Amino acid sequence: MKTIVTIEGMCCEKCAKRAENALSLVKGVVNCDVKFKKNMAVIRSREPISEEEIRKAVTDTGFTVTGVEVK
């Protein structure tokens, strides 16, 4: 599965890495790639991941989730 997360508040690669590390710890995440210039994260998983867990992981790093789309 592929989940696209729109994130606000990232301003550099360090921010993106912090968000990526947090999202990688969410149960079920196989791979995560965060692009701060696009304000987004692409999460790959084998099963659906709770939107609540995604939002909590990002919020705990100090950023804001503005959208979650499962493809």
PDB file of N, CA and C in Angstrom:
ATOM      1  N   MET A   1       0.833  -1.175   0.000  1.00  0.00           N
ATOM      2  CA  MET A   1       0.000   0.000   0.000  1.00  0.00           C
ATOM      3  C   MET A   1       0.883   1.246   0.000  1.00  0.00           C
ATOM      4  N   LYS A   2       0.324   2.317  -0.521  1.00  0.00           N
ATOM      5  CA  LYS A   2       1.043   3.578  -0.590  1.00  0.00           C
ATOM      6  C   LYS A   2       0.165   4.652   0.050  1.00  0.00           C
ATOM      7  N   THR A   3       0.746   5.398   0.973  1.00  0.00           N
ATOM      8  CA  THR A   3       0.038   6.484   1.637  1.00  0.00           C
ATOM      9  C   THR A   3       0.825   7.775   1.432  1.00  0.00           C
ATOM     10  N   ILE A   4       0.133   8.803   0.944  1.00  0.00           N
ATOM     11  CA  ILE A   4       0.744  10.112   0.734  1.00  0.00           C
ATOM     12  C   ILE A   4       0.295  11.019   1.881  1.00  0.00           C
ATOM     13  N   VAL A   5       1.254  11.606   2.571  1.00  0.00           N
ATOM     14  CA  VAL A   5       0.965  12.490   3.701  1.00  0.00           C
ATOM     15  C   VAL A   5       1.480  13.887   3.363  1.00  0.00           C
ATOM     16  N   THR A   6       0.612  14.879   3.433  1.00  0.00           N
ATOM     17  CA  THR A   6       1.007  16.261   3.209  1.00  0.00           C
ATOM     18  C   THR A   6       1.351  16.869   4.566  1.00  0.00           C
ATOM     19  N   ILE A   7       2.552  17.454   4.648  1.00  0.00           N
ATOM     20  CA  ILE A   7       3.074  17.953   5.923  1.00  0.00           C
ATOM     21  C   ILE A   7       3.471  19.421   5.783  1.00  0.00           C
ATOM     22  N   GLU A   8       3.059  20.238   6.747  1.00  0.00           N
ATOM     23  CA  GLU A   8       3.470  21.650   6.772  1.00  0.00           C
ATOM     24  C   GLU A   8       4.449  21.876   7.911  1.00  0.00           C
ATOM     25  N   GLY A   9       5.375  22.809   7.697  1.00  0.00           N
ATOM     26  CA  GLY A   9       6.288  23.206   8.759  1.00  0.00           C
ATOM     27  C   GLY A   9       7.729  22.771   8.557  1.00  0.00           C
ATOM     28  N   MET A  10       7.991  21.935   7.551  1.00  0.00           N
ATOM     29  CA  MET A  10       9.365  21.504   7.297  1.00  0.00           C
ATOM     30  C   MET A  10      10.073  22.577   6.465  1.00  0.00           C
ATOM     31  N   CYS A  11      11.328  22.887   6.824  1.00  0.00           N
ATOM     32  CA  CYS A  11      12.033  23.934   6.085  1.00  0.00           C
ATOM     33  C   CYS A  11      13.409  23.494   5.577  1.00  0.00           C
ATOM     34  N   CYS A  12      13.818  22.255   5.916  1.00  0.00           N
ATOM     35  CA  CYS A  12      15.145  21.813   5.484  1.00  0.00           C
ATOM     36  C   CYS A  12      15.222  20.276   5.511  1.00  0.00           C
ATOM     37  N   GLU A  13      16.351  19.764   5.055  1.00  0.00           N
ATOM     38  CA  GLU A  13      16.556  18.306   5.043  1.00  0.00           C
ATOM     39  C   GLU A  13      16.538  17.725   6.453  1.00  0.00           C
ATOM     40  N   LYS A  14      17.020  18.491   7.413  1.00  0.00           N
ATOM     41  CA  LYS A  14      17.032  18.033   8.802  1.00  0.00           C
ATOM     42  C   LYS A  14      15.601  17.813   9.304  1.00  0.00           C
ATOM     43  N   CYS A  15      14.714  18.735   8.948  1.00  0.00           N
ATOM     44  CA  CYS A  15      13.300  18.602   9.306  1.00  0.00           C
ATOM     45  C   CYS A  15      12.703  17.353   8.657  1.00  0.00           C
ATOM     46  N   ALA A  16      13.004  17.176   7.378  1.00  0.00           N
ATOM     47  CA  ALA A  16      12.486  16.019   6.652  1.00  0.00           C
ATOM     48  C   ALA A  16      12.971  14.721   7.280  1.00  0.00           C
ATOM     49  N   LYS A  17      14.225  14.690   7.670  1.00  0.00           N
ATOM     50  CA  LYS A  17      14.788  13.489   8.296  1.00  0.00           C
ATOM     51  C   LYS A  17      14.113  13.198   9.627  1.00  0.00           C
ATOM     52  N   ARG A  18      13.820  14.256  10.395  1.00  0.00           N
ATOM     53  CA  ARG A  18      13.141  14.081  11.681  1.00  0.00           C
ATOM     54  C   ARG A  18      11.747  13.494  11.477  1.00  0.00           C
ATOM     55  N   ALA A  19      11.014  14.000  10.485  1.00  0.00           N
ATOM     56  CA  ALA A  19       9.682  13.474  10.180  1.00  0.00           C
ATOM     57  C   ALA A  19       9.781  12.039   9.664  1.00  0.00           C
ATOM     58  N   GLU A  20      10.756  11.773   8.817  1.00  0.00           N
ATOM     59  CA  GLU A  20      10.958  10.439   8.261  1.00  0.00           C
ATOM     60  C   GLU A  20      11.259   9.420   9.365  1.00  0.00           C
ATOM     61  N   ASN A  21      12.124   9.787  10.298  1.00  0.00           N
ATOM     62  CA  ASN A  21      12.449   8.885  11.407  1.00  0.00           C
ATOM     63  C   ASN A  21      11.214   8.573  12.243  1.00  0.00           C
ATOM     64  N   ALA A  22      10.407   9.586  12.514  1.00  0.00           N
ATOM     65  CA  ALA A  22       9.192   9.386  13.307  1.00  0.00           C
ATOM     66  C   ALA A  22       8.199   8.490  12.574  1.00  0.00           C
ATOM     67  N   LEU A  23       7.997   8.728  11.286  1.00  0.00           N
ATOM     68  CA  LEU A  23       7.048   7.924  10.512  1.00  0.00           C
ATOM     69  C   LEU A  23       7.536   6.488  10.336  1.00  0.00           C
ATOM     70  N   SER A  24       8.830   6.299  10.254  1.00  0.00           N
ATOM     71  CA  SER A  24       9.392   4.955  10.103  1.00  0.00           C
ATOM     72  C   SER A  24       9.111   4.075  11.314  1.00  0.00           C
ATOM     73  N   LEU A  25       8.868   4.700  12.457  1.00  0.00           N
ATOM     74  CA  LEU A  25       8.597   3.949  13.688  1.00  0.00           C
ATOM     75  C   LEU A  25       7.136   3.538  13.839  1.00  0.00           C
ATOM     76  N   VAL A  26       6.265   4.056  12.973  1.00  0.00           N
ATOM     77  CA  VAL A  26       4.844   3.703  13.041  1.00  0.00           C
ATOM     78  C   VAL A  26       4.684   2.236  12.631  1.00  0.00           C
ATOM     79  N   LYS A  27       3.895   1.509  13.404  1.00  0.00           N
ATOM     80  CA  LYS A  27       3.684   0.081  13.154  1.00  0.00           C
ATOM     81  C   LYS A  27       3.130  -0.153  11.753  1.00  0.00           C
ATOM     82  N   GLY A  28       3.792  -1.034  11.015  1.00  0.00           N
ATOM     83  CA  GLY A  28       3.341  -1.401   9.684  1.00  0.00           C
ATOM     84  C   GLY A  28       4.086  -0.706   8.553  1.00  0.00           C
ATOM     85  N   VAL A  29       4.837   0.344   8.864  1.00  0.00           N
ATOM     86  CA  VAL A  29       5.569   1.075   7.819  1.00  0.00           C
ATOM     87  C   VAL A  29       6.766   0.243   7.369  1.00  0.00           C
ATOM     88  N   VAL A  30       6.845   0.001   6.061  1.00  0.00           N
ATOM     89  CA  VAL A  30       7.958  -0.744   5.484  1.00  0.00           C
ATOM     90  C   VAL A  30       9.034   0.229   4.999  1.00  0.00           C
ATOM     91  N   ASN A  31       8.588   1.341   4.395  1.00  0.00           N
ATOM     92  CA  ASN A  31       9.504   2.331   3.851  1.00  0.00           C
ATOM     93  C   ASN A  31       8.842   3.704   3.921  1.00  0.00           C
ATOM     94  N   CYS A  32       9.636   4.723   4.136  1.00  0.00           N
ATOM     95  CA  CYS A  32       9.113   6.087   4.199  1.00  0.00           C
ATOM     96  C   CYS A  32      10.109   7.029   3.546  1.00  0.00           C
ATOM     97  N   ASP A  33       9.612   7.923   2.701  1.00  0.00           N
ATOM     98  CA  ASP A  33      10.459   8.903   2.032  1.00  0.00           C
ATOM     99  C   ASP A  33       9.803  10.273   2.188  1.00  0.00           C
ATOM    100  N   VAL A  34      10.499  11.208   2.822  1.00  0.00           N
ATOM    101  CA  VAL A  34       9.955  12.546   3.059  1.00  0.00           C
ATOM    102  C   VAL A  34      10.710  13.550   2.203  1.00  0.00           C
ATOM    103  N   LYS A  35       9.956  14.399   1.509  1.00  0.00           N
ATOM    104  CA  LYS A  35      10.525  15.453   0.660  1.00  0.00           C
ATOM    105  C   LYS A  35      10.057  16.799   1.195  1.00  0.00           C
ATOM    106  N   PHE A  36      10.960  17.550   1.832  1.00  0.00           N
ATOM    107  CA  PHE A  36      10.542  18.817   2.438  1.00  0.00           C
ATOM    108  C   PHE A  36      10.150  19.865   1.400  1.00  0.00           C
ATOM    109  N   LYS A  37      10.774  19.854   0.215  1.00  0.00           N
ATOM    110  CA  LYS A  37      10.435  20.837  -0.815  1.00  0.00           C
ATOM    111  C   LYS A  37       9.031  20.628  -1.365  1.00  0.00           C
ATOM    112  N   LYS A  38       8.559  19.390  -1.308  1.00  0.00           N
ATOM    113  CA  LYS A  38       7.204  19.081  -1.777  1.00  0.00           C
ATOM    114  C   LYS A  38       6.213  19.011  -0.617  1.00  0.00           C
ATOM    115  N   ASN A  39       6.711  19.182   0.606  1.00  0.00           N
ATOM    116  CA  ASN A  39       5.871  19.096   1.808  1.00  0.00           C
ATOM    117  C   ASN A  39       5.085  17.795   1.869  1.00  0.00           C
ATOM    118  N   MET A  40       5.765  16.692   1.600  1.00  0.00           N
ATOM    119  CA  MET A  40       5.049  15.418   1.595  1.00  0.00           C
ATOM    120  C   MET A  40       5.921  14.245   2.019  1.00  0.00           C
ATOM    121  N   ALA A  41       5.214  13.199   2.435  1.00  0.00           N
ATOM    122  CA  ALA A  41       5.863  11.934   2.757  1.00  0.00           C
ATOM    123  C   ALA A  41       5.142  10.842   1.978  1.00  0.00           C
ATOM    124  N   VAL A  42       5.904   9.888   1.476  1.00  0.00           N
ATOM    125  CA  VAL A  42       5.332   8.711   0.822  1.00  0.00           C
ATOM    126  C   VAL A  42       5.667   7.523   1.705  1.00  0.00           C
ATOM    127  N   ILE A  43       4.620   6.881   2.199  1.00  0.00           N
ATOM    128  CA  ILE A  43       4.790   5.736   3.090  1.00  0.00           C
ATOM    129  C   ILE A  43       4.360   4.482   2.351  1.00  0.00           C
ATOM    130  N   ARG A  44       5.173   3.462   2.436  1.00  0.00           N
ATOM    131  CA  ARG A  44       4.827   2.160   1.851  1.00  0.00           C
ATOM    132  C   ARG A  44       4.624   1.173   2.989  1.00  0.00           C
ATOM    133  N   SER A  45       3.562   0.373   2.853  1.00  0.00           N
ATOM    134  CA  SER A  45       3.243  -0.615   3.890  1.00  0.00           C
ATOM    135  C   SER A  45       2.562  -1.815   3.251  1.00  0.00           C
ATOM    136  N   ARG A  46       2.526  -2.906   3.991  1.00  0.00           N
ATOM    137  CA  ARG A  46       1.863  -4.113   3.492  1.00  0.00           C
ATOM    138  C   ARG A  46       0.395  -4.147   3.893  1.00  0.00           C
ATOM    139  N   GLU A  47       0.045  -3.325   4.871  1.00  0.00           N
ATOM    140  CA  GLU A  47      -1.326  -3.277   5.383  1.00  0.00           C
ATOM    141  C   GLU A  47      -1.696  -1.825   5.646  1.00  0.00           C
ATOM    142  N   PRO A  48      -2.984  -1.533   5.783  1.00  0.00           N
ATOM    143  CA  PRO A  48      -3.384  -0.149   6.072  1.00  0.00           C
ATOM    144  C   PRO A  48      -2.781   0.335   7.394  1.00  0.00           C
ATOM    145  N   ILE A  49      -2.415   1.601   7.415  1.00  0.00           N
ATOM    146  CA  ILE A  49      -1.855   2.214   8.623  1.00  0.00           C
ATOM    147  C   ILE A  49      -2.867   3.236   9.130  1.00  0.00           C
ATOM    148  N   SER A  50      -3.028   3.281  10.421  1.00  0.00           N
ATOM    149  CA  SER A  50      -3.968   4.193  11.052  1.00  0.00           C
ATOM    150  C   SER A  50      -3.590   5.648  10.774  1.00  0.00           C
ATOM    151  N   GLU A  51      -4.548   6.406  10.261  1.00  0.00           N
ATOM    152  CA  GLU A  51      -4.308   7.828  10.007  1.00  0.00           C
ATOM    153  C   GLU A  51      -3.990   8.540  11.323  1.00  0.00           C
ATOM    154  N   GLU A  52      -4.614   8.112  12.383  1.00  0.00           N
ATOM    155  CA  GLU A  52      -4.369   8.703  13.704  1.00  0.00           C
ATOM    156  C   GLU A  52      -2.905   8.530  14.123  1.00  0.00           C
ATOM    157  N   GLU A  53      -2.338   7.342  13.880  1.00  0.00           N
ATOM    158  CA  GLU A  53      -0.936   7.088  14.227  1.00  0.00           C
ATOM    159  C   GLU A  53       0.006   7.941  13.374  1.00  0.00           C
ATOM    160  N   ILE A  54      -0.334   8.095  12.098  1.00  0.00           N
ATOM    161  CA  ILE A  54       0.473   8.925  11.205  1.00  0.00           C
ATOM    162  C   ILE A  54       0.458  10.374  11.690  1.00  0.00           C
ATOM    163  N   ARG A  55      -0.737  10.880  11.977  1.00  0.00           N
ATOM    164  CA  ARG A  55      -0.870  12.264  12.439  1.00  0.00           C
ATOM    165  C   ARG A  55      -0.114  12.478  13.753  1.00  0.00           C
ATOM    166  N   LYS A  56      -0.204  11.517  14.667  1.00  0.00           N
ATOM    167  CA  LYS A  56       0.473  11.641  15.968  1.00  0.00           C
ATOM    168  C   LYS A  56       1.991  11.680  15.782  1.00  0.00           C
ATOM    169  N   ALA A  57       2.520  10.800  14.932  1.00  0.00           N
ATOM    170  CA  ALA A  57       3.970  10.754  14.704  1.00  0.00           C
ATOM    171  C   ALA A  57       4.477  12.083  14.154  1.00  0.00           C
ATOM    172  N   VAL A  58       3.756  12.647  13.205  1.00  0.00           N
ATOM    173  CA  VAL A  58       4.176  13.910  12.596  1.00  0.00           C
ATOM    174  C   VAL A  58       4.004  15.064  13.579  1.00  0.00           C
ATOM    175  N   THR A  59       2.882  15.108  14.262  1.00  0.00           N
ATOM    176  CA  THR A  59       2.610  16.177  15.231  1.00  0.00           C
ATOM    177  C   THR A  59       3.630  16.165  16.362  1.00  0.00           C
ATOM    178  N   ASP A  60       4.022  14.979  16.803  1.00  0.00           N
ATOM    179  CA  ASP A  60       5.013  14.873  17.878  1.00  0.00           C
ATOM    180  C   ASP A  60       6.377  15.431  17.483  1.00  0.00           C
ATOM    181  N   THR A  61       6.647  15.536  16.186  1.00  0.00           N
ATOM    182  CA  THR A  61       7.917  16.108  15.732  1.00  0.00           C
ATOM    183  C   THR A  61       7.820  17.622  15.543  1.00  0.00           C
ATOM    184  N   GLY A  62       6.617  18.174  15.725  1.00  0.00           N
ATOM    185  CA  GLY A  62       6.434  19.620  15.626  1.00  0.00           C
ATOM    186  C   GLY A  62       5.889  20.103  14.298  1.00  0.00           C
ATOM    187  N   PHE A  63       5.483  19.187  13.434  1.00  0.00           N
ATOM    188  CA  PHE A  63       4.938  19.560  12.134  1.00  0.00           C
ATOM    189  C   PHE A  63       3.433  19.309  12.114  1.00  0.00           C
ATOM    190  N   THR A  64       2.775  19.742  11.047  1.00  0.00           N
ATOM    191  CA  THR A  64       1.323  19.611  10.930  1.00  0.00           C
ATOM    192  C   THR A  64       0.964  18.794   9.694  1.00  0.00           C
ATOM    193  N   VAL A  65       0.082  17.822   9.876  1.00  0.00           N
ATOM    194  CA  VAL A  65      -0.420  17.027   8.757  1.00  0.00           C
ATOM    195  C   VAL A  65      -1.629  17.761   8.182  1.00  0.00           C
ATOM    196  N   THR A  66      -1.612  18.038   6.886  1.00  0.00           N
ATOM    197  CA  THR A  66      -2.742  18.708   6.250  1.00  0.00           C
ATOM    198  C   THR A  66      -3.523  17.783   5.346  1.00  0.00           C
ATOM    199  N   GLY A  67      -3.017  16.555   5.157  1.00  0.00           N
ATOM    200  CA  GLY A  67      -3.752  15.598   4.342  1.00  0.00           C
ATOM    201  C   GLY A  67      -3.123  14.225   4.365  1.00  0.00           C
ATOM    202  N   VAL A  68      -3.990  13.203   4.273  1.00  0.00           N
ATOM    203  CA  VAL A  68      -3.535  11.812   4.202  1.00  0.00           C
ATOM    204  C   VAL A  68      -4.358  11.149   3.107  1.00  0.00           C
ATOM    205  N   GLU A  69      -3.667  10.583   2.120  1.00  0.00           N
ATOM    206  CA  GLU A  69      -4.338   9.933   1.000  1.00  0.00           C
ATOM    207  C   GLU A  69      -3.761   8.533   0.808  1.00  0.00           C
ATOM    208  N   VAL A  70      -4.641   7.534   0.856  1.00  0.00           N
ATOM    209  CA  VAL A  70      -4.217   6.148   0.653  1.00  0.00           C
ATOM    210  C   VAL A  70      -4.477   5.780  -0.788  1.00  0.00           C
ATOM    211  N   LYS A  71      -3.458   5.206  -1.432  1.00  0.00           N
ATOM    212  CA  LYS A  71      -3.596   4.784  -2.838  1.00  0.00           C
ATOM    213  C   LYS A  71      -3.460   3.302  -2.959  1.00  0.00           C
TER     214      LYS A  71
END
